[in-house]
Amino acid sequence: MHSLQLFSDSVNKTLSRAFCLGAATVCLSLSSNAWALFADDDARKAILDLRKTLATTQLDLQNQIEKLKADNSELRGKVENLEKQGEDITSSQKTYYQDLDNRLGNFEPRTETIEGVTGTVQPSEKKAYDEALGYFKAGNLKKADDSFSAFVKRYPKSPYLPLALFWTGNSKYANKDYTGSIAQLQGLINRFPNHPRIPAAMTTLANAQLESGSKTAAKKTANDIISKYPDTDAAKNAQQLIAATK
């Protein structure tokens, strides 16, 4: 009987231990599942928070980029405006100095080369020459003759002098002052034998000599033209003049 009691107690202790172990196992299992559930919620919340943070950061970055683009565009516009202002200032300065140079040219002598002749041109010199030439082109030959004659006397060292002598000779010829024309043109030929106007001057000279009755002189001048300037319009005109002296 005593042995049976001992066996019963042993069985009860074993069952009790098994129950406690099972209960502990169940509790542990329930605790693990709850922990996993809580861990998943936290992770999901962390991911959502991270996404929200990233979205906010991206939006901020995009806004900053747009602002930088706007600032860059504004800066580019300012630079282009400054460059335009610089170009305008440079152009204005160039115009100003050109105008100043032109104004000073009206008061100061200049060295110029006129059809191969170099010399100092006085402020009023070119104006006087242009005025005389304007009379000639307009057909006011008497006024042209007077103006060119006055120019020759007033500016004897001018680089315009050969041209003034040339036009004076032609003006006098047109006014039928053949003697005066011959004197002016011979003066041009003697003083400036290499001037580009010499062939034309010799042609007028030959005609003035012919008109004045000096056929021999006219023929000699025409032959000189043909000899010195062959294959030119002046030489063709000289041949016609020689034919007229026969």
C-alpha atoms as a PDB file:
ATOM      1  CA  MET A   1       0.000   0.000   0.000  1.00  0.00           C
ATOM      2  CA  HIS A   2       2.792   2.255   0.898  1.00  0.00           C
ATOM      3  CA  SER A   3       4.489   1.433  -2.392  1.00  0.00           C
ATOM      4  CA  LEU A   4       1.353   2.242  -4.316  1.00  0.00           C
ATOM      5  CA  GLN A   5       1.165   5.592  -2.619  1.00  0.00           C
ATOM      6  CA  LEU A   6       4.743   6.298  -3.540  1.00  0.00           C
ATOM      7  CA  PHE A   7       4.057   5.348  -7.149  1.00  0.00           C
ATOM      8  CA  SER A   8       0.998   7.602  -7.223  1.00  0.00           C
ATOM      9  CA  ASP A   9       2.943  10.498  -5.811  1.00  0.00           C
ATOM     10  CA  SER A  10       5.659   9.972  -8.368  1.00  0.00           C
ATOM     11  CA  VAL A  11       3.139   9.939 -11.207  1.00  0.00           C
ATOM     12  CA  ASN A  12       1.486  13.071  -9.906  1.00  0.00           C
ATOM     13  CA  LYS A  13       4.843  14.839  -9.669  1.00  0.00           C
ATOM     14  CA  THR A  14       5.688  13.777 -13.185  1.00  0.00           C
ATOM     15  CA  LEU A  15       2.353  14.973 -14.520  1.00  0.00           C
ATOM     16  CA  SER A  16       2.746  18.229 -12.629  1.00  0.00           C
ATOM     17  CA  ARG A  17       6.166  18.759 -14.093  1.00  0.00           C
ATOM     18  CA  ALA A  18       4.891  17.959 -17.573  1.00  0.00           C
ATOM     19  CA  PHE A  19       2.002  20.347 -17.178  1.00  0.00           C
ATOM     20  CA  CYS A  20       4.282  23.121 -15.995  1.00  0.00           C
ATOM     21  CA  LEU A  21       6.663  22.459 -18.846  1.00  0.00           C
ATOM     22  CA  GLY A  22       3.816  22.483 -21.338  1.00  0.00           C
ATOM     23  CA  ALA A  23       2.382  25.634 -19.872  1.00  0.00           C
ATOM     24  CA  ALA A  24       5.753  27.271 -20.011  1.00  0.00           C
ATOM     25  CA  THR A  25       6.151  26.174 -23.614  1.00  0.00           C
ATOM     26  CA  VAL A  26       2.750  27.572 -24.519  1.00  0.00           C
ATOM     27  CA  CYS A  27       3.488  30.848 -22.771  1.00  0.00           C
ATOM     28  CA  LEU A  28       6.846  31.093 -24.498  1.00  0.00           C
ATOM     29  CA  SER A  29       5.225  30.387 -27.814  1.00  0.00           C
ATOM     30  CA  LEU A  30       2.555  33.033 -27.230  1.00  0.00           C
ATOM     31  CA  SER A  31       5.204  35.513 -26.114  1.00  0.00           C
ATOM     32  CA  SER A  32       7.296  34.912 -29.291  1.00  0.00           C
ATOM     33  CA  ASN A  33       4.301  35.437 -31.562  1.00  0.00           C
ATOM     34  CA  ALA A  34       3.348  38.648 -29.789  1.00  0.00           C
ATOM     35  CA  TRP A  35       6.917  39.898 -30.060  1.00  0.00           C
ATOM     36  CA  ALA A  36       7.000  39.107 -33.760  1.00  0.00           C
ATOM     37  CA  LEU A  37       3.724  40.944 -34.228  1.00  0.00           C
ATOM     38  CA  PHE A  38       5.001  43.980 -32.354  1.00  0.00           C
ATOM     39  CA  ALA A  39       8.301  43.882 -34.302  1.00  0.00           C
ATOM     40  CA  ASP A  40       6.452  43.848 -37.662  1.00  0.00           C
ATOM     41  CA  ASP A  41       4.364  46.885 -36.696  1.00  0.00           C
ATOM     42  CA  ASP A  42       7.415  48.842 -35.615  1.00  0.00           C
ATOM     43  CA  ALA A  43       9.282  47.990 -38.811  1.00  0.00           C
ATOM     44  CA  ARG A  44       6.285  48.952 -40.939  1.00  0.00           C
ATOM     45  CA  LYS A  45       5.955  52.239 -39.068  1.00  0.00           C
ATOM     46  CA  ALA A  46       9.705  52.895 -39.429  1.00  0.00           C
ATOM     47  CA  ILE A  47       9.508  52.221 -43.161  1.00  0.00           C
ATOM     48  CA  LEU A  48       6.533  54.559 -43.542  1.00  0.00           C
ATOM     49  CA  ASP A  49       8.337  57.242 -41.559  1.00  0.00           C
ATOM     50  CA  LEU A  50      11.439  56.752 -43.692  1.00  0.00           C
ATOM     51  CA  ARG A  51       9.412  57.043 -46.896  1.00  0.00           C
ATOM     52  CA  LYS A  52       7.763  60.179 -45.610  1.00  0.00           C
ATOM     53  CA  THR A  53      11.147  61.641 -44.683  1.00  0.00           C
ATOM     54  CA  LEU A  54      12.591  60.742 -48.090  1.00  0.00           C
ATOM     55  CA  ALA A  55       9.608  62.293 -49.872  1.00  0.00           C
ATOM     56  CA  THR A  56       9.970  65.464 -47.835  1.00  0.00           C
ATOM     57  CA  THR A  57      13.716  65.566 -48.525  1.00  0.00           C
ATOM     58  CA  GLN A  58      13.203  65.029 -52.255  1.00  0.00           C
ATOM     59  CA  LEU A  59      10.630  67.813 -52.344  1.00  0.00           C
ATOM     60  CA  ASP A  60      13.007  70.125 -50.513  1.00  0.00           C
ATOM     61  CA  LEU A  61      15.818  69.232 -52.906  1.00  0.00           C
ATOM     62  CA  GLN A  62      13.570  69.802 -55.921  1.00  0.00           C
ATOM     63  CA  ASN A  63      12.537  73.178 -54.547  1.00  0.00           C
ATOM     64  CA  GLN A  64      16.187  74.089 -53.986  1.00  0.00           C
ATOM     65  CA  ILE A  65      17.064  72.995 -57.517  1.00  0.00           C
ATOM     66  CA  GLU A  66      14.248  75.094 -58.993  1.00  0.00           C
ATOM     67  CA  LYS A  67      15.375  78.070 -56.923  1.00  0.00           C
ATOM     68  CA  LEU A  68      18.962  77.606 -58.091  1.00  0.00           C
ATOM     69  CA  LYS A  69      17.763  77.458 -61.697  1.00  0.00           C
ATOM     70  CA  ALA A  70      15.774  80.648 -61.207  1.00  0.00           C
ATOM     71  CA  ASP A  71      18.741  82.356 -59.536  1.00  0.00           C
ATOM     72  CA  ASN A  72      21.051  81.180 -62.319  1.00  0.00           C
ATOM     73  CA  SER A  73      18.653  82.450 -64.983  1.00  0.00           C
ATOM     74  CA  GLU A  74      18.413  85.803 -63.220  1.00  0.00           C
ATOM     75  CA  LEU A  75      22.202  85.978 -62.899  1.00  0.00           C
ATOM     76  CA  ARG A  76      22.634  85.104 -66.588  1.00  0.00           C
ATOM     77  CA  GLY A  77      20.216  87.879 -67.474  1.00  0.00           C
ATOM     78  CA  LYS A  78      22.191  90.344 -65.384  1.00  0.00           C
ATOM     79  CA  VAL A  79      25.466  89.251 -66.991  1.00  0.00           C
ATOM     80  CA  GLU A  80      23.988  89.600 -70.483  1.00  0.00           C
ATOM     81  CA  ASN A  81      22.651  93.026 -69.545  1.00  0.00           C
ATOM     82  CA  LEU A  82      26.065  94.075 -68.257  1.00  0.00           C
ATOM     83  CA  GLU A  83      27.714  92.795 -71.445  1.00  0.00           C
ATOM     84  CA  LYS A  84      25.205  94.769 -73.525  1.00  0.00           C
ATOM     85  CA  GLN A  85      25.872  97.873 -71.457  1.00  0.00           C
ATOM     86  CA  GLY A  86      29.603  97.330 -71.964  1.00  0.00           C
ATOM     87  CA  GLU A  87      29.144  97.060 -75.735  1.00  0.00           C
ATOM     88  CA  ASP A  88      26.988 100.196 -75.741  1.00  0.00           C
ATOM     89  CA  ILE A  89      29.602 102.083 -73.728  1.00  0.00           C
ATOM     90  CA  THR A  90      32.386 100.924 -76.075  1.00  0.00           C
ATOM     91  CA  SER A  91      30.355 101.958 -79.113  1.00  0.00           C
ATOM     92  CA  SER A  92      29.525 105.321 -77.535  1.00  0.00           C
ATOM     93  CA  GLN A  93      33.170 105.921 -76.694  1.00  0.00           C
ATOM     94  CA  LYS A  94      34.229 105.025 -80.226  1.00  0.00           C
ATOM     95  CA  THR A  95      31.643 107.387 -81.683  1.00  0.00           C
ATOM     96  CA  TYR A  96      32.659 110.090 -79.225  1.00  0.00           C
ATOM     97  CA  TYR A  97      36.351 109.845 -80.047  1.00  0.00           C
ATOM     98  CA  GLN A  98      35.671 109.722 -83.776  1.00  0.00           C
ATOM     99  CA  ASP A  99      33.523 112.830 -83.479  1.00  0.00           C
ATOM    100  CA  LEU A 100      36.184 114.474 -81.333  1.00  0.00           C
ATOM    101  CA  ASP A 101      38.865 113.548 -83.862  1.00  0.00           C
ATOM    102  CA  ASN A 102      36.765 114.992 -86.681  1.00  0.00           C
ATOM    103  CA  ARG A 103      36.216 118.184 -84.734  1.00  0.00           C
ATOM    104  CA  LEU A 104      39.889 118.525 -83.941  1.00  0.00           C
ATOM    105  CA  GLY A 105      40.593 117.924 -87.618  1.00  0.00           C
ATOM    106  CA  ASN A 106      38.746 121.138 -88.350  1.00  0.00           C
ATOM    107  CA  PHE A 107      41.246 123.057 -86.234  1.00  0.00           C
ATOM    108  CA  GLU A 108      44.546 121.209 -86.668  1.00  0.00           C
ATOM    109  CA  PRO A 109      46.699 120.565 -89.773  1.00  0.00           C
ATOM    110  CA  ARG A 110      46.944 116.991 -91.023  1.00  0.00           C
ATOM    111  CA  THR A 111      49.409 115.084 -93.152  1.00  0.00           C
ATOM    112  CA  GLU A 112      47.618 113.510 -96.104  1.00  0.00           C
ATOM    113  CA  THR A 113      48.511 111.834 -99.384  1.00  0.00           C
ATOM    114  CA  ILE A 114      46.406 113.018-102.312  1.00  0.00           C
ATOM    115  CA  GLU A 115      46.857 110.987-105.521  1.00  0.00           C
ATOM    116  CA  GLY A 116      50.449 110.170-104.627  1.00  0.00           C
ATOM    117  CA  VAL A 117      51.386 113.622-103.301  1.00  0.00           C
ATOM    118  CA  THR A 118      51.993 113.873 -99.543  1.00  0.00           C
ATOM    119  CA  GLY A 119      51.816 117.116 -97.623  1.00  0.00           C
ATOM    120  CA  THR A 120      50.269 119.041 -94.776  1.00  0.00           C
ATOM    121  CA  VAL A 121      46.629 119.980 -95.234  1.00  0.00           C
ATOM    122  CA  GLN A 122      45.440 123.040 -93.344  1.00  0.00           C
ATOM    123  CA  PRO A 123      41.994 122.978 -91.667  1.00  0.00           C
ATOM    124  CA  SER A 124      40.316 125.183 -94.286  1.00  0.00           C
ATOM    125  CA  GLU A 125      42.296 123.815 -97.210  1.00  0.00           C
ATOM    126  CA  LYS A 126      40.186 120.797 -98.188  1.00  0.00           C
ATOM    127  CA  LYS A 127      37.014 122.819 -97.774  1.00  0.00           C
ATOM    128  CA  ALA A 128      38.335 125.424-100.224  1.00  0.00           C
ATOM    129  CA  TYR A 129      39.340 122.726-102.727  1.00  0.00           C
ATOM    130  CA  ASP A 130      35.997 120.905-102.472  1.00  0.00           C
ATOM    131  CA  GLU A 131      34.146 124.176-102.918  1.00  0.00           C
ATOM    132  CA  ALA A 132      36.068 125.034-106.101  1.00  0.00           C
ATOM    133  CA  LEU A 133      35.567 121.537-107.496  1.00  0.00           C
ATOM    134  CA  GLY A 134      31.862 121.814-106.716  1.00  0.00           C
ATOM    135  CA  TYR A 135      31.647 124.934-108.901  1.00  0.00           C
ATOM    136  CA  PHE A 136      33.357 123.073-111.762  1.00  0.00           C
ATOM    137  CA  LYS A 137      31.027 120.060-111.531  1.00  0.00           C
ATOM    138  CA  ALA A 138      28.010 122.360-111.419  1.00  0.00           C
ATOM    139  CA  GLY A 139      29.120 124.018-114.664  1.00  0.00           C
ATOM    140  CA  ASN A 140      29.930 127.353-113.016  1.00  0.00           C
ATOM    141  CA  LEU A 141      33.259 127.506-114.841  1.00  0.00           C
ATOM    142  CA  LYS A 142      34.041 131.180-114.131  1.00  0.00           C
ATOM    143  CA  LYS A 143      33.538 130.671-110.406  1.00  0.00           C
ATOM    144  CA  ALA A 144      35.533 127.443-110.569  1.00  0.00           C
ATOM    145  CA  ASP A 145      38.425 129.212-112.340  1.00  0.00           C
ATOM    146  CA  ASP A 146      38.485 132.024-109.783  1.00  0.00           C
ATOM    147  CA  SER A 147      38.301 129.606-106.858  1.00  0.00           C
ATOM    148  CA  PHE A 148      41.036 127.273-108.112  1.00  0.00           C
ATOM    149  CA  SER A 149      43.302 130.225-108.990  1.00  0.00           C
ATOM    150  CA  ALA A 150      42.831 131.598-105.483  1.00  0.00           C
ATOM    151  CA  PHE A 151      43.569 128.152-104.036  1.00  0.00           C
ATOM    152  CA  VAL A 152      46.870 127.896-105.946  1.00  0.00           C
ATOM    153  CA  LYS A 153      48.001 131.250-104.577  1.00  0.00           C
ATOM    154  CA  ARG A 154      46.882 130.580-101.020  1.00  0.00           C
ATOM    155  CA  TYR A 155      48.174 127.005-100.694  1.00  0.00           C
ATOM    156  CA  PRO A 156      51.320 126.714-102.866  1.00  0.00           C
ATOM    157  CA  LYS A 157      52.610 123.669-100.922  1.00  0.00           C
ATOM    158  CA  SER A 158      49.331 121.784-100.660  1.00  0.00           C
ATOM    159  CA  PRO A 159      49.111 118.119-101.699  1.00  0.00           C
ATOM    160  CA  TYR A 160      45.989 119.296-103.555  1.00  0.00           C
ATOM    161  CA  LEU A 161      48.096 121.683-105.655  1.00  0.00           C
ATOM    162  CA  PRO A 162      48.526 119.345-108.684  1.00  0.00           C
ATOM    163  CA  LEU A 163      44.779 118.822-108.818  1.00  0.00           C
ATOM    164  CA  ALA A 164      44.112 122.525-108.400  1.00  0.00           C
ATOM    165  CA  LEU A 165      46.451 123.286-111.343  1.00  0.00           C
ATOM    166  CA  PHE A 166      44.779 120.576-113.406  1.00  0.00           C
ATOM    167  CA  TRP A 167      41.274 121.907-112.810  1.00  0.00           C
ATOM    168  CA  THR A 168      42.368 125.502-113.240  1.00  0.00           C
ATOM    169  CA  GLY A 169      43.824 124.619-116.633  1.00  0.00           C
ATOM    170  CA  ASN A 170      40.593 122.868-117.618  1.00  0.00           C
ATOM    171  CA  SER A 171      38.438 125.722-116.292  1.00  0.00           C
ATOM    172  CA  LYS A 172      40.413 128.287-118.275  1.00  0.00           C
ATOM    173  CA  TYR A 173      40.223 126.104-121.385  1.00  0.00           C
ATOM    174  CA  ALA A 174      36.432 125.834-120.984  1.00  0.00           C
ATOM    175  CA  ASN A 175      36.281 129.616-120.590  1.00  0.00           C
ATOM    176  CA  LYS A 176      38.346 129.923-123.802  1.00  0.00           C
ATOM    177  CA  ASP A 177      41.273 131.433-121.909  1.00  0.00           C
ATOM    178  CA  TYR A 178      43.704 129.291-123.877  1.00  0.00           C
ATOM    179  CA  THR A 179      46.808 131.226-122.906  1.00  0.00           C
ATOM    180  CA  GLY A 180      45.981 130.913-119.209  1.00  0.00           C
ATOM    181  CA  SER A 181      45.123 127.238-119.653  1.00  0.00           C
ATOM    182  CA  ILE A 182      48.464 126.534-121.353  1.00  0.00           C
ATOM    183  CA  ALA A 183      50.367 128.288-118.557  1.00  0.00           C
ATOM    184  CA  GLN A 184      48.602 126.360-115.790  1.00  0.00           C
ATOM    185  CA  LEU A 185      48.916 122.969-117.475  1.00  0.00           C
ATOM    186  CA  GLN A 186      52.569 123.433-118.394  1.00  0.00           C
ATOM    187  CA  GLY A 187      53.235 124.412-114.795  1.00  0.00           C
ATOM    188  CA  LEU A 188      51.587 121.182-113.652  1.00  0.00           C
ATOM    189  CA  ILE A 189      53.561 119.059-116.132  1.00  0.00           C
ATOM    190  CA  ASN A 190      56.881 120.666-115.212  1.00  0.00           C
ATOM    191  CA  ARG A 191      56.412 120.489-111.441  1.00  0.00           C
ATOM    192  CA  PHE A 192      54.724 117.100-111.194  1.00  0.00           C
ATOM    193  CA  PRO A 193      55.803 115.070-114.257  1.00  0.00           C
ATOM    194  CA  ASN A 194      54.841 111.723-112.673  1.00  0.00           C
ATOM    195  CA  HIS A 195      51.414 112.723-111.419  1.00  0.00           C
ATOM    196  CA  PRO A 196      48.588 110.426-112.607  1.00  0.00           C
ATOM    197  CA  ARG A 197      46.723 113.405-114.103  1.00  0.00           C
ATOM    198  CA  ILE A 198      49.552 114.250-116.537  1.00  0.00           C
ATOM    199  CA  PRO A 199      48.188 112.320-119.586  1.00  0.00           C
ATOM    200  CA  ALA A 200      44.811 114.079-119.298  1.00  0.00           C
ATOM    201  CA  ALA A 201      46.541 117.412-118.643  1.00  0.00           C
ATOM    202  CA  MET A 202      48.675 116.997-121.804  1.00  0.00           C
ATOM    203  CA  THR A 203      45.524 116.242-123.797  1.00  0.00           C
ATOM    204  CA  THR A 204      43.905 119.511-122.659  1.00  0.00           C
ATOM    205  CA  LEU A 205      47.211 121.318-123.266  1.00  0.00           C
ATOM    206  CA  ALA A 206      47.412 120.045-126.822  1.00  0.00           C
ATOM    207  CA  ASN A 207      43.824 121.165-127.478  1.00  0.00           C
ATOM    208  CA  ALA A 208      44.514 124.601-125.936  1.00  0.00           C
ATOM    209  CA  GLN A 209      47.601 124.964-128.127  1.00  0.00           C
ATOM    210  CA  LEU A 210      45.594 123.979-131.183  1.00  0.00           C
ATOM    211  CA  GLU A 211      42.765 126.397-130.325  1.00  0.00           C
ATOM    212  CA  SER A 212      45.287 129.213-129.794  1.00  0.00           C
ATOM    213  CA  GLY A 213      46.696 128.628-133.275  1.00  0.00           C
ATOM    214  CA  SER A 214      49.913 126.852-132.233  1.00  0.00           C
ATOM    215  CA  LYS A 215      49.495 123.759-134.403  1.00  0.00           C
ATOM    216  CA  THR A 216      53.161 122.826-134.240  1.00  0.00           C
ATOM    217  CA  ALA A 217      53.176 122.905-130.440  1.00  0.00           C
ATOM    218  CA  ALA A 218      49.888 120.978-130.358  1.00  0.00           C
ATOM    219  CA  LYS A 219      51.272 118.300-132.667  1.00  0.00           C
ATOM    220  CA  LYS A 220      54.435 117.941-130.586  1.00  0.00           C
ATOM    221  CA  THR A 221      52.412 117.585-127.385  1.00  0.00           C
ATOM    222  CA  ALA A 222      50.201 114.967-129.057  1.00  0.00           C
ATOM    223  CA  ASN A 223      53.233 112.976-130.227  1.00  0.00           C
ATOM    224  CA  ASP A 224      54.679 113.135-126.695  1.00  0.00           C
ATOM    225  CA  ILE A 225      51.439 111.689-125.353  1.00  0.00           C
ATOM    226  CA  ILE A 226      51.539 108.802-127.842  1.00  0.00           C
ATOM    227  CA  SER A 227      55.209 108.162-127.053  1.00  0.00           C
ATOM    228  CA  LYS A 228      54.924 108.301-123.253  1.00  0.00           C
ATOM    229  CA  TYR A 229      51.468 106.855-122.744  1.00  0.00           C
ATOM    230  CA  PRO A 230      50.693 104.356-125.528  1.00  0.00           C
ATOM    231  CA  ASP A 231      47.592 102.192-125.361  1.00  0.00           C
ATOM    232  CA  THR A 232      45.723 104.784-123.299  1.00  0.00           C
ATOM    233  CA  ASP A 233      42.666 106.924-123.965  1.00  0.00           C
ATOM    234  CA  ALA A 234      44.970 109.951-123.948  1.00  0.00           C
ATOM    235  CA  ALA A 235      47.010 108.409-126.808  1.00  0.00           C
ATOM    236  CA  LYS A 236      43.823 107.771-128.836  1.00  0.00           C
ATOM    237  CA  ASN A 237      42.741 111.373-128.328  1.00  0.00           C
ATOM    238  CA  ALA A 238      46.216 112.554-129.355  1.00  0.00           C
ATOM    239  CA  GLN A 239      46.005 110.617-132.624  1.00  0.00           C
ATOM    240  CA  GLN A 240      42.699 112.302-133.408  1.00  0.00           C
ATOM    241  CA  LEU A 241      44.216 115.705-132.600  1.00  0.00           C
ATOM    242  CA  ILE A 242      47.153 115.023-134.970  1.00  0.00           C
ATOM    243  CA  ALA A 243      44.683 114.131-137.699  1.00  0.00           C
ATOM    244  CA  ALA A 244      42.937 117.463-137.074  1.00  0.00           C
ATOM    245  CA  THR A 245      46.161 119.437-137.573  1.00  0.00           C
ATOM    246  CA  LYS A 246      46.638 118.172-141.126  1.00  0.00           C
END
